Amino acid sequence: MKSSASIVIDIGNTSTSLGIYRAGKVGRVGRIETVEQTFTTVSAAIRELAGRTRIGEAGIASVVPLM
């Protein structure tokens, strides 16, 4: 298994971007359309993006206003 990394998530109005952050750089990047987001789609996207990389931390940002 590879060393620990962070997952960074940017929740926008039309899509959510996911990235693996390690050693000061964002490596792999994925995107999910906001309308398609469910727990299942987001967790599957994270697992696919991370592969065998161990995720130790997460950072989340959102521009979506509270309803």
Protein backbone atom coordinates (compact mmCIF):
# COMPACT_ATOMS: atom_id res chain seq x y z
CA MET A 1 0.00 0.00 0.00
CA LYS A 2 1.24 3.50 -0.81
CA SER A 3 1.85 6.21 1.80
CA SER A 4 -0.98 8.34 3.17
CA ALA A 5 -2.43 11.20 1.13
CA SER A 6 -5.35 13.61 1.44
CA ILE A 7 -8.49 13.78 -0.61
CA VAL A 8 -9.63 17.27 -1.53
CA ILE A 9 -13.24 17.90 -2.50
CA ASP A 10 -14.69 21.05 -4.07
CA ILE A 11 -18.49 21.03 -4.10
CA GLY A 12 -19.82 23.41 -6.73
CA ASN A 13 -23.23 24.27 -8.09
CA THR A 14 -22.92 22.09 -11.20
CA SER A 15 -20.24 19.56 -10.27
CA THR A 16 -18.05 18.26 -7.49
CA SER A 17 -14.32 17.92 -8.12
CA LEU A 18 -12.25 15.35 -6.25
CA GLY A 19 -8.47 15.19 -6.10
CA ILE A 20 -5.69 13.26 -4.38
CA TYR A 21 -3.25 15.65 -2.68
CA ARG A 22 0.23 14.45 -1.78
CA ALA A 23 3.62 16.14 -1.40
CA GLY A 24 2.25 19.60 -2.19
CA LYS A 25 0.56 18.58 -5.45
CA VAL A 26 -2.89 17.49 -6.57
CA GLY A 27 -2.49 14.28 -8.54
CA ARG A 28 -5.47 12.38 -9.84
CA VAL A 29 -8.63 14.42 -10.37
CA GLY A 30 -12.22 13.32 -10.89
CA ARG A 31 -15.54 15.07 -11.33
CA ILE A 32 -19.16 14.20 -10.53
CA GLU A 33 -22.15 16.18 -11.77
CA THR A 34 -23.98 17.61 -8.75
CA VAL A 35 -27.36 16.34 -9.90
CA GLU A 36 -25.99 12.74 -9.93
CA GLN A 37 -24.58 12.82 -6.40
CA THR A 38 -25.62 10.14 -3.96
CA PHE A 39 -23.64 8.50 -1.19
CA THR A 40 -23.05 5.55 -3.52
CA THR A 41 -21.75 7.61 -6.47
CA VAL A 42 -19.49 9.78 -4.31
CA SER A 43 -18.00 6.87 -2.35
CA ALA A 44 -17.44 4.89 -5.58
CA ALA A 45 -15.70 7.90 -7.17
CA ILE A 46 -13.45 8.31 -4.12
CA ARG A 47 -12.53 4.59 -4.12
CA GLU A 48 -11.80 4.65 -7.85
CA LEU A 49 -9.75 7.84 -7.61
CA ALA A 50 -7.73 6.70 -4.58
CA GLY A 51 -7.01 3.22 -5.87
CA ARG A 52 -4.54 1.70 -3.41
CA THR A 53 -3.53 5.09 -1.97
CA ARG A 54 -4.18 5.33 1.75
CA ILE A 55 -6.27 8.44 2.51
CA GLY A 56 -5.39 9.97 5.86
CA GLU A 57 -7.13 13.36 5.69
CA ALA A 58 -9.82 15.21 3.78
CA GLY A 59 -10.42 18.84 2.89
CA ILE A 60 -13.85 19.97 1.70
CA ALA A 61 -14.93 23.31 0.22
CA SER A 62 -18.42 24.31 -0.94
CA VAL A 63 -19.89 27.29 -2.74
CA VAL A 64 -23.42 25.89 -2.55
CA PRO A 65 -25.59 28.15 -0.34
CA LEU A 66 -27.63 26.70 2.52
CA MET A 67 -31.21 25.92 1.58
